[in-house]
Amino acid sequence: MSAQRLIDYIKDKNILILGFGREGKSTYNFIRKHLPEKYLTIGDRTTVTIEDGNVSFDCGEDYLEHLSNYDLVFKSPGIPFVGVRYPETTEITCQTDMFLRFADCTVVGITGTKGKTTTSTLIFRMLKEAGFNVSLIGNIGVPVFEDINKDKDAVAVIEMSSHQLEFTRTSPHVAVMTNVYEEHLDHYEEGFRGYVNSKLNIVRHQTENDFFVFNGSQGLKEYIDESTIKSETIKVYEEPDEFVASISMLNNNLRGRHNRMDIGFATAAAKAMGADEASIRRAIEKFEGIPNRMEYFGTYAGVDYYNDAIATIPQAVLCAVEAIGNVGTLIIGGLDRGLDYSDFEKALSVLPIDNLVCLPETGHNIADNLAKIGCRAKVFKVADLPEAVDRCVEYTEKGKACIMSPAAASYNIYRDFEEKGNHFKQLVKEKN
């Protein structure tokens, strides 16, 4: 049993569970299930309360300053390590790293700035249609320890963020990198280079028997010597082959150039695993879309509403506007993470949309810059999402679309993009 090999590895180590969100709690429950008496420490910026006599707590603003006290640190993905120092005797790991090292099943791993959830879901559906014993786990919302005891003949499709890959020492059998754009720059001391280097751990440890699927249009030469990649490389381009072009037309939930690329990534990965084209086609035909990703959720007063809360970078917003078309109103704005919006502002200034509704923080900055360079759309600066929806209801022309596609993270107001997306849908329904 693969879980037992992992337990054997950690049972005698002094362990810190760093961060007690979804993954931290999953790690705690996993260890407690297999090592009920083991002494553990939980570290978090906020106070953690748990009834367990074999747990101590290291909580507060200085919770990252005592890592040298531990042999093994299970780091939660959302905790940035900029400026954090620790000795070589302290091993930093995460669930993804341990799963790749100790699970018996075959792993298909997917990373990328955008498209990884759609691509991961499509690969899962394609392999399922082809008869594989397959599960979909990881950054998509299911901690991987909840699926670590899969049999050797099983397949785990794992969505992997840069944070989960930062400390991995093993790569999956099939690795997919959809694309890389500026994001999460506040998490890495080297900025964008550090972000990309973390993602490249998905391929660094592959062997000659593995496969690496990536965006051939972007290339990776600036960050990795492709001649050092041992696995078989498969490049996917925006101009699809005949098969991908044909299946991309089958489902309106997968419209747009970016979704066609995701279909290309998924098809290449599924074929590398041995899936047949008929199964791949059925998966595309049945695909029902993913919440918060160009999610159409209703027509109200003649206006089509779309929730695209997952679009946290400019490129994703522009893809959504192009794919949906006939956009009357676009809502943007969220947490300022230091991204460069100058090219985005130029694109917004000429987009064929009527109204641009701008939320704090980034939206207000963009609105101010658009006032200087000019914009064909009517620009509104609003205080919050309820006011934004009021503007949408008032100004969006009947027969057109309204999209919330922020081009920024949601953490300045909301717990995550899902909470923001759900609030948007709720407000639209309440105000119509």
Protein backbone atom coordinates (compact mmCIF):
# COMPACT_ATOMS: atom_id res chain seq x y z
CA MET A 1 0.00 0.00 0.00
CA SER A 2 1.50 3.34 -1.06
CA ALA A 3 0.18 5.11 2.02
CA GLN A 4 2.22 2.78 4.20
CA ARG A 5 5.45 3.65 2.40
CA LEU A 6 4.71 7.33 3.02
CA ILE A 7 3.92 6.68 6.68
CA ASP A 8 7.17 4.74 7.07
CA TYR A 9 9.01 7.75 5.67
CA ILE A 10 7.48 10.32 8.04
CA LYS A 11 6.78 8.35 11.22
CA ASP A 12 10.04 9.19 12.99
CA LYS A 13 10.30 12.82 11.85
CA ASN A 14 9.51 15.97 13.77
CA ILE A 15 6.65 17.34 11.63
CA LEU A 16 5.19 20.82 11.16
CA ILE A 17 1.92 21.22 9.24
CA LEU A 18 2.29 24.76 7.89
CA GLY A 19 -1.05 26.32 7.07
CA PHE A 20 -4.34 24.85 8.28
CA GLY A 21 -6.67 25.42 5.35
CA ARG A 22 -8.12 22.68 3.15
CA GLU A 23 -4.81 20.93 2.44
CA GLY A 24 -3.41 21.40 5.93
CA LYS A 25 -6.48 19.82 7.49
CA SER A 26 -6.30 16.98 4.97
CA THR A 27 -2.64 16.36 5.91
CA TYR A 28 -3.51 16.36 9.61
CA ASN A 29 -6.39 13.90 9.08
CA PHE A 30 -4.21 11.61 6.96
CA ILE A 31 -1.42 11.47 9.54
CA ARG A 32 -3.87 11.01 12.41
CA LYS A 33 -5.56 8.12 10.60
CA HIS A 34 -2.28 6.23 10.24
CA LEU A 35 -0.31 7.57 13.23
CA PRO A 36 -2.93 8.38 15.87
CA GLU A 37 -0.42 9.02 18.67
CA LYS A 38 2.23 10.93 16.73
CA TYR A 39 3.11 14.36 18.10
CA LEU A 40 2.56 17.14 15.54
CA THR A 41 2.86 20.91 15.36
CA ILE A 42 0.46 23.12 13.40
CA GLY A 43 1.65 26.53 12.24
CA ASP A 44 -0.57 29.27 10.87
CA ARG A 45 -0.79 33.06 10.78
CA THR A 46 -4.16 32.88 12.52
CA THR A 47 -5.06 31.01 15.70
CA VAL A 48 -5.88 27.32 15.24
CA THR A 49 -7.99 25.43 17.77
CA ILE A 50 -8.19 21.65 17.69
CA GLU A 51 -8.87 19.10 20.41
CA ASP A 52 -5.81 16.87 20.25
CA GLY A 53 -3.46 16.30 23.15
CA ASN A 54 -0.63 15.37 20.77
CA VAL A 55 -0.60 18.70 18.93
CA SER A 56 1.21 21.94 19.71
CA PHE A 57 0.68 25.24 17.92
CA ASP A 58 3.02 27.80 16.39
CA CYS A 59 0.63 30.55 15.35
CA GLY A 60 0.88 34.29 14.86
CA GLU A 61 2.77 36.77 12.71
CA ASP A 62 6.12 34.99 13.32
CA TYR A 63 4.86 31.52 12.35
CA LEU A 64 7.43 31.22 9.55
CA GLU A 65 10.43 31.96 11.75
CA HIS A 66 10.83 28.58 13.44
CA LEU A 67 11.18 26.14 10.55
CA SER A 68 14.63 25.03 11.74
CA ASN A 69 12.92 23.28 14.68
CA TYR A 70 11.47 20.62 12.38
CA ASP A 71 12.69 17.75 10.21
CA LEU A 72 9.74 17.87 7.81
CA VAL A 73 7.41 20.76 6.94
CA PHE A 74 4.18 20.11 5.04
CA LYS A 75 3.69 23.54 3.44
CA SER A 76 0.23 24.57 2.26
CA PRO A 77 0.24 25.96 -1.32
CA GLY A 78 -1.06 29.42 -0.50
CA ILE A 79 1.79 30.41 1.82
CA PRO A 80 4.45 32.53 0.06
CA PHE A 81 8.06 31.83 1.00
CA VAL A 82 9.59 35.14 -0.11
CA GLY A 83 12.41 35.93 2.32
CA VAL A 84 11.84 32.77 4.36
CA ARG A 85 15.06 31.05 5.43
CA TYR A 86 15.52 27.50 6.72
CA PRO A 87 18.46 25.06 7.06
CA GLU A 88 19.19 22.16 4.72
CA THR A 89 18.28 19.80 7.56
CA THR A 90 14.65 20.94 7.25
CA GLU A 91 12.81 19.30 4.36
CA ILE A 92 10.02 21.40 2.86
CA THR A 93 7.38 19.32 1.14
CA CYS A 94 3.68 19.24 0.27
CA GLN A 95 1.02 16.67 -0.54
CA THR A 96 1.77 16.80 -4.27
CA ASP A 97 5.46 16.06 -3.69
CA MET A 98 4.72 13.12 -1.39
CA PHE A 99 2.05 11.71 -3.71
CA LEU A 100 4.44 11.75 -6.67
CA ARG A 101 7.15 10.06 -4.59
CA PHE A 102 5.08 7.35 -2.92
CA ALA A 103 1.82 6.67 -4.81
CA ASP A 104 1.73 3.44 -6.85
CA CYS A 105 -0.59 4.68 -9.61
CA THR A 106 0.28 6.40 -12.88
CA VAL A 107 0.10 10.19 -12.68
CA VAL A 108 -0.88 12.68 -15.35
CA GLY A 109 0.05 16.15 -14.07
CA ILE A 110 -1.19 19.45 -15.48
CA THR A 111 0.08 22.94 -14.75
CA GLY A 112 -0.01 26.33 -16.47
CA THR A 113 -1.12 29.86 -15.73
CA LYS A 114 -4.48 29.42 -17.42
CA GLY A 115 -6.35 26.46 -18.85
CA LYS A 116 -5.15 23.85 -16.37
CA THR A 117 -8.57 23.11 -14.85
CA THR A 118 -10.27 22.76 -18.22
CA THR A 119 -7.39 20.67 -19.54
CA SER A 120 -7.29 18.49 -16.42
CA THR A 121 -11.03 17.90 -16.55
CA LEU A 122 -10.94 17.05 -20.25
CA ILE A 123 -8.09 14.55 -19.75
CA PHE A 124 -10.02 12.93 -16.92
CA ARG A 125 -13.17 12.65 -19.05
CA MET A 126 -11.24 11.32 -22.06
CA LEU A 127 -9.51 8.62 -20.04
CA LYS A 128 -12.76 7.69 -18.29
CA GLU A 129 -14.49 7.32 -21.65
CA ALA A 130 -11.58 5.09 -22.75
CA GLY A 131 -12.18 2.77 -19.80
CA PHE A 132 -9.35 3.80 -17.48
CA ASN A 133 -9.70 3.60 -13.68
CA VAL A 134 -9.09 7.32 -13.26
CA SER A 135 -9.60 10.08 -10.68
CA LEU A 136 -9.34 13.88 -10.83
CA ILE A 137 -7.58 15.44 -7.83
CA GLY A 138 -5.16 18.15 -6.72
CA ASN A 139 -5.46 21.91 -7.14
CA ILE A 140 -8.90 21.41 -8.65
CA GLY A 141 -10.23 21.04 -5.09
CA VAL A 142 -9.47 17.51 -3.86
CA PRO A 143 -6.28 17.13 -1.75
CA VAL A 144 -4.22 14.30 -3.23
CA PHE A 145 -3.80 12.41 0.07
CA GLU A 146 -7.49 11.55 -0.20
CA ASP A 147 -6.62 9.34 -3.18
CA ILE A 148 -3.15 8.02 -2.39
CA ASN A 149 -4.10 4.35 -2.06
CA LYS A 150 -4.99 3.87 -5.72
CA ASP A 151 -3.91 0.57 -7.33
CA LYS A 152 -0.97 0.31 -9.72
CA ASP A 153 -3.33 0.00 -12.69
CA ALA A 154 -5.13 3.24 -11.78
CA VAL A 155 -4.49 6.76 -13.10
CA ALA A 156 -4.53 9.99 -11.11
CA VAL A 157 -5.06 13.18 -13.11
CA ILE A 158 -3.65 15.95 -10.91
CA GLU A 159 -3.99 19.68 -11.45
CA MET A 160 -0.79 21.24 -10.08
CA SER A 161 -0.23 24.88 -9.19
CA SER A 162 3.18 26.53 -9.15
CA HIS A 163 2.96 26.55 -5.35
CA GLN A 164 2.43 22.79 -5.23
CA LEU A 165 5.27 22.19 -7.68
CA GLU A 166 7.76 24.51 -5.98
CA PHE A 167 9.10 21.78 -3.67
CA THR A 168 8.43 18.62 -5.70
CA ARG A 169 11.30 16.20 -6.37
CA THR A 170 9.45 13.82 -8.72
CA SER A 171 7.62 14.43 -11.99
CA PRO A 172 4.48 12.71 -13.34
CA HIS A 173 4.50 10.13 -16.15
CA VAL A 174 2.64 12.54 -18.44
CA ALA A 175 3.29 16.24 -17.74
CA VAL A 176 1.29 19.02 -19.35
CA MET A 177 2.18 22.73 -19.24
CA THR A 178 -0.56 24.76 -20.90
CA ASN A 179 1.10 28.21 -20.89
CA VAL A 180 2.96 30.68 -18.68
CA TYR A 181 1.99 34.30 -18.08
CA GLU A 182 2.71 36.74 -15.28
CA GLU A 183 0.87 35.71 -12.11
CA HIS A 184 1.62 35.11 -8.42
CA LEU A 185 4.71 37.31 -8.68
CA ASP A 186 4.38 38.18 -4.98
CA HIS A 187 5.12 34.52 -4.08
CA TYR A 188 8.59 34.28 -5.62
CA GLU A 189 11.83 36.09 -4.85
CA GLU A 190 12.82 35.90 -8.52
CA GLY A 191 9.42 37.13 -9.67
CA PHE A 192 8.29 35.67 -12.98
CA ARG A 193 11.44 33.57 -13.40
CA GLY A 194 10.88 31.97 -10.01
CA TYR A 195 7.25 31.32 -10.89
CA VAL A 196 8.16 29.58 -14.17
CA ASN A 197 10.99 27.61 -12.57
CA SER A 198 8.56 26.22 -9.99
CA LYS A 199 6.22 25.05 -12.74
CA LEU A 200 9.08 23.40 -14.62
CA ASN A 201 9.50 20.89 -11.79
CA ILE A 202 6.67 19.08 -13.56
CA VAL A 203 9.19 17.98 -16.23
CA ARG A 204 12.64 18.22 -14.60
CA HIS A 205 12.55 14.74 -13.06
CA GLN A 206 10.96 12.82 -15.93
CA THR A 207 12.67 9.84 -17.58
CA GLU A 208 12.93 8.56 -21.15
CA ASN A 209 9.70 6.62 -20.60
CA ASP A 210 7.64 9.75 -19.85
CA PHE A 211 5.86 12.43 -21.93
CA PHE A 212 5.91 16.23 -21.77
CA VAL A 213 3.11 18.15 -23.52
CA PHE A 214 3.57 21.91 -23.75
CA ASN A 215 2.71 25.07 -25.62
CA GLY A 216 5.00 25.10 -28.65
CA SER A 217 4.12 28.71 -29.44
CA GLN A 218 5.64 29.98 -26.20
CA GLY A 219 8.78 27.90 -25.91
CA LEU A 220 10.81 27.43 -22.75
CA LYS A 221 14.37 28.13 -23.90
CA GLU A 222 14.76 31.15 -21.64
CA TYR A 223 14.04 29.02 -18.56
CA ILE A 224 15.20 25.50 -19.36
CA ASP A 225 17.56 23.86 -21.84
CA GLU A 226 15.16 21.69 -23.82
CA SER A 227 18.03 19.34 -24.66
CA THR A 228 18.11 18.35 -20.98
CA ILE A 229 14.51 17.14 -21.05
CA LYS A 230 14.69 13.35 -21.04
CA SER A 231 11.05 12.62 -21.83
CA GLU A 232 9.30 12.57 -25.19
CA THR A 233 8.17 16.13 -25.96
CA ILE A 234 4.86 16.88 -27.66
CA LYS A 235 4.26 20.48 -28.75
CA VAL A 236 0.74 21.89 -29.10
CA TYR A 237 0.11 24.93 -31.31
CA GLU A 238 -2.79 27.32 -31.74
CA GLU A 239 -3.31 26.00 -35.25
CA PRO A 240 -4.73 22.54 -34.49
CA ASP A 241 -4.40 19.31 -36.44
CA GLU A 242 -7.41 17.99 -38.32
CA PHE A 243 -8.73 15.82 -35.48
CA VAL A 244 -8.53 18.55 -32.79
CA ALA A 245 -10.07 21.07 -35.20
CA SER A 246 -13.01 18.74 -35.84
CA ILE A 247 -13.79 17.96 -32.19
CA SER A 248 -13.37 21.61 -31.14
CA MET A 249 -16.55 22.39 -33.09
CA LEU A 250 -18.66 19.86 -31.19
CA ASN A 251 -19.40 21.73 -27.96
CA ASN A 252 -20.42 25.36 -27.37
CA ASN A 253 -19.02 25.15 -23.83
CA LEU A 254 -15.55 24.97 -25.39
CA ARG A 255 -15.70 27.91 -27.77
CA GLY A 256 -12.75 30.21 -28.34
CA ARG A 257 -9.08 29.86 -29.28
CA HIS A 258 -7.98 29.25 -25.68
CA ASN A 259 -10.38 26.34 -25.26
CA ARG A 260 -9.23 24.90 -28.57
CA MET A 261 -5.69 24.94 -27.20
CA ASP A 262 -6.89 23.17 -24.04
CA ILE A 263 -8.53 20.50 -26.20
CA GLY A 264 -5.19 20.11 -27.99
CA PHE A 265 -3.28 19.67 -24.71
CA ALA A 266 -5.83 17.20 -23.37
CA THR A 267 -5.95 15.18 -26.59
CA ALA A 268 -2.15 14.88 -26.71
CA ALA A 269 -2.00 13.74 -23.07
CA ALA A 270 -4.87 11.27 -23.46
CA LYS A 271 -3.29 9.77 -26.57
CA ALA A 272 0.05 9.46 -24.75
CA MET A 273 -1.82 7.38 -22.18
CA GLY A 274 -3.34 5.21 -24.91
CA ALA A 275 -6.85 6.68 -25.26
CA ASP A 276 -8.51 6.19 -28.65
CA GLU A 277 -9.98 8.99 -30.76
CA ALA A 278 -13.56 7.76 -30.41
CA SER A 279 -13.35 8.06 -26.60
CA ILE A 280 -11.77 11.50 -26.89
CA ARG A 281 -14.58 12.64 -29.19
CA ARG A 282 -17.28 11.38 -26.79
CA ALA A 283 -15.67 13.24 -23.90
CA ILE A 284 -15.76 16.50 -25.85
CA GLU A 285 -19.38 15.97 -26.89
CA LYS A 286 -20.47 15.39 -23.27
CA PHE A 287 -18.44 18.20 -21.67
CA GLU A 288 -20.81 20.46 -19.72
CA GLY A 289 -18.44 23.29 -18.85
CA ILE A 290 -16.82 24.30 -15.56
CA PRO A 291 -18.19 26.79 -13.00
CA ASN A 292 -16.51 30.22 -13.02
CA ARG A 293 -14.99 29.67 -16.46
CA MET A 294 -17.00 31.58 -19.09
CA GLU A 295 -19.97 30.13 -17.21
CA TYR A 296 -23.28 31.13 -18.77
CA PHE A 297 -25.81 31.17 -15.94
CA GLY A 298 -28.87 32.85 -17.36
CA THR A 299 -30.55 35.48 -19.51
CA TYR A 300 -32.21 38.28 -17.57
CA ALA A 301 -34.12 41.14 -19.17
CA GLY A 302 -32.69 40.05 -22.51
CA VAL A 303 -29.04 40.13 -21.34
CA ASP A 304 -26.85 36.99 -21.29
CA TYR A 305 -24.78 36.80 -18.10
CA TYR A 306 -21.42 35.02 -17.81
CA ASN A 307 -19.34 34.34 -14.70
CA ASP A 308 -15.64 34.21 -15.60
CA ALA A 309 -14.26 34.76 -12.10
CA ILE A 310 -11.31 32.42 -12.72
CA ALA A 311 -9.89 34.91 -15.27
CA THR A 312 -7.28 36.49 -13.00
CA ILE A 313 -4.88 37.69 -15.71
CA PRO A 314 -5.47 39.99 -18.70
CA GLN A 315 -4.90 37.32 -21.38
CA ALA A 316 -7.77 35.23 -20.01
CA VAL A 317 -10.15 38.22 -20.08
CA LEU A 318 -9.35 39.05 -23.69
CA CYS A 319 -9.90 35.40 -24.67
CA ALA A 320 -13.31 35.40 -22.96
CA VAL A 321 -14.45 38.62 -24.64
CA GLU A 322 -13.39 37.27 -28.04
CA ALA A 323 -14.99 33.84 -27.49
CA ILE A 324 -18.34 35.08 -26.15
CA GLY A 325 -18.66 38.03 -28.52
CA ASN A 326 -21.36 40.74 -28.57
CA VAL A 327 -20.29 41.97 -25.11
CA GLY A 328 -22.24 44.91 -23.77
CA THR A 329 -20.64 45.15 -20.33
CA LEU A 330 -17.38 43.86 -18.86
CA ILE A 331 -16.63 43.90 -15.11
CA ILE A 332 -12.95 43.93 -14.17
CA GLY A 333 -10.83 44.53 -11.07
CA GLY A 334 -9.52 42.89 -7.91
CA LEU A 335 -6.36 42.48 -5.86
CA ASP A 336 -3.29 44.39 -7.05
CA ARG A 337 -0.42 41.87 -7.27
CA GLY A 338 1.96 44.04 -9.23
CA LEU A 339 1.03 42.86 -12.73
CA ASP A 340 1.77 45.17 -15.66
CA TYR A 341 -1.59 46.20 -17.15
CA SER A 342 -0.32 48.68 -19.77
CA ASP A 343 -0.91 46.36 -22.76
CA PHE A 344 -4.26 45.32 -21.29
CA GLU A 345 -5.32 48.95 -20.98
CA LYS A 346 -4.48 49.56 -24.64
CA ALA A 347 -6.55 46.52 -25.62
CA LEU A 348 -9.47 47.60 -23.43
CA SER A 349 -9.48 51.06 -24.97
CA VAL A 350 -10.46 49.65 -28.37
CA LEU A 351 -12.48 46.55 -27.42
CA PRO A 352 -15.92 46.41 -29.08
CA ILE A 353 -17.80 46.69 -25.78
CA ASP A 354 -20.19 49.39 -24.56
CA ASN A 355 -19.49 49.55 -20.82
CA LEU A 356 -16.49 48.83 -18.62
CA VAL A 357 -17.23 48.52 -14.91
CA CYS A 358 -14.14 48.79 -12.70
CA LEU A 359 -13.80 47.34 -9.19
CA PRO A 360 -11.08 48.11 -6.61
CA GLU A 361 -8.09 47.85 -6.62
CA THR A 362 -6.77 47.20 -10.11
CA GLY A 363 -9.96 48.27 -11.83
CA HIS A 364 -9.73 51.77 -10.40
CA ASN A 365 -6.12 52.11 -11.53
CA ILE A 366 -7.05 50.89 -15.01
CA ALA A 367 -9.98 53.33 -15.17
CA ASP A 368 -7.67 56.22 -14.27
CA ASN A 369 -5.21 55.24 -17.00
CA LEU A 370 -8.00 54.80 -19.56
CA ALA A 371 -9.12 58.35 -18.80
CA LYS A 372 -5.67 59.48 -19.97
CA ILE A 373 -5.43 57.41 -23.15
CA GLY A 374 -9.11 57.37 -24.08
CA CYS A 375 -11.58 54.44 -24.32
CA ARG A 376 -14.42 53.71 -26.70
CA ALA A 377 -16.46 52.17 -23.85
CA LYS A 378 -18.22 54.08 -21.10
CA VAL A 379 -16.07 53.57 -17.97
CA PHE A 380 -17.53 53.30 -14.46
CA LYS A 381 -15.54 53.17 -11.20
CA VAL A 382 -17.60 51.36 -8.55
CA ALA A 383 -17.02 50.61 -4.88
CA ASP A 384 -18.05 46.95 -4.82
CA LEU A 385 -19.71 44.12 -6.71
CA PRO A 386 -23.31 45.06 -5.79
CA GLU A 387 -22.75 48.50 -7.32
CA ALA A 388 -21.11 46.87 -10.35
CA VAL A 389 -24.18 44.71 -10.95
CA ASP A 390 -26.41 47.79 -10.62
CA ARG A 391 -24.47 49.39 -13.49
CA CYS A 392 -24.76 46.20 -15.56
CA VAL A 393 -28.52 46.04 -15.10
CA GLU A 394 -28.92 49.73 -15.89
CA TYR A 395 -26.63 50.05 -18.90
CA THR A 396 -26.31 46.68 -20.68
CA GLU A 397 -28.28 46.69 -23.91
CA LYS A 398 -30.85 43.97 -24.46
CA GLY A 399 -29.51 41.22 -26.74
CA LYS A 400 -25.92 41.60 -25.55
CA ALA A 401 -23.74 39.81 -22.99
CA CYS A 402 -22.47 40.88 -19.57
CA ILE A 403 -19.26 39.24 -18.29
CA MET A 404 -17.48 39.42 -14.98
CA SER A 405 -13.88 38.62 -15.91
CA PRO A 406 -11.65 40.36 -13.33
CA ALA A 407 -8.07 40.16 -14.71
CA ALA A 408 -7.03 40.09 -11.05
CA ALA A 409 -7.24 37.87 -7.98
CA SER A 410 -10.17 38.17 -5.59
CA TYR A 411 -8.40 38.09 -2.21
CA ASN A 412 -8.78 41.80 -1.48
CA ILE A 413 -12.50 41.20 -0.79
CA TYR A 414 -13.30 37.51 -1.19
CA ARG A 415 -11.89 34.23 0.09
CA ASP A 416 -11.27 33.04 -3.48
CA PHE A 417 -12.53 33.39 -7.06
CA GLU A 418 -15.33 30.89 -6.38
CA GLU A 419 -16.82 33.05 -3.63
CA LYS A 420 -16.63 36.10 -5.91
CA GLY A 421 -18.24 34.22 -8.78
CA ASN A 422 -21.05 32.89 -6.61
CA HIS A 423 -21.72 36.37 -5.22
CA PHE A 424 -21.91 37.77 -8.74
CA LYS A 425 -24.46 35.14 -9.79
CA GLN A 426 -26.49 35.73 -6.65
CA LEU A 427 -26.55 39.52 -7.17
CA VAL A 428 -27.58 39.23 -10.82
CA LYS A 429 -30.48 36.94 -9.93
CA GLU A 430 -31.59 39.18 -7.06
CA LYS A 431 -31.55 42.36 -9.16
CA ASN A 432 -33.48 40.94 -12.12
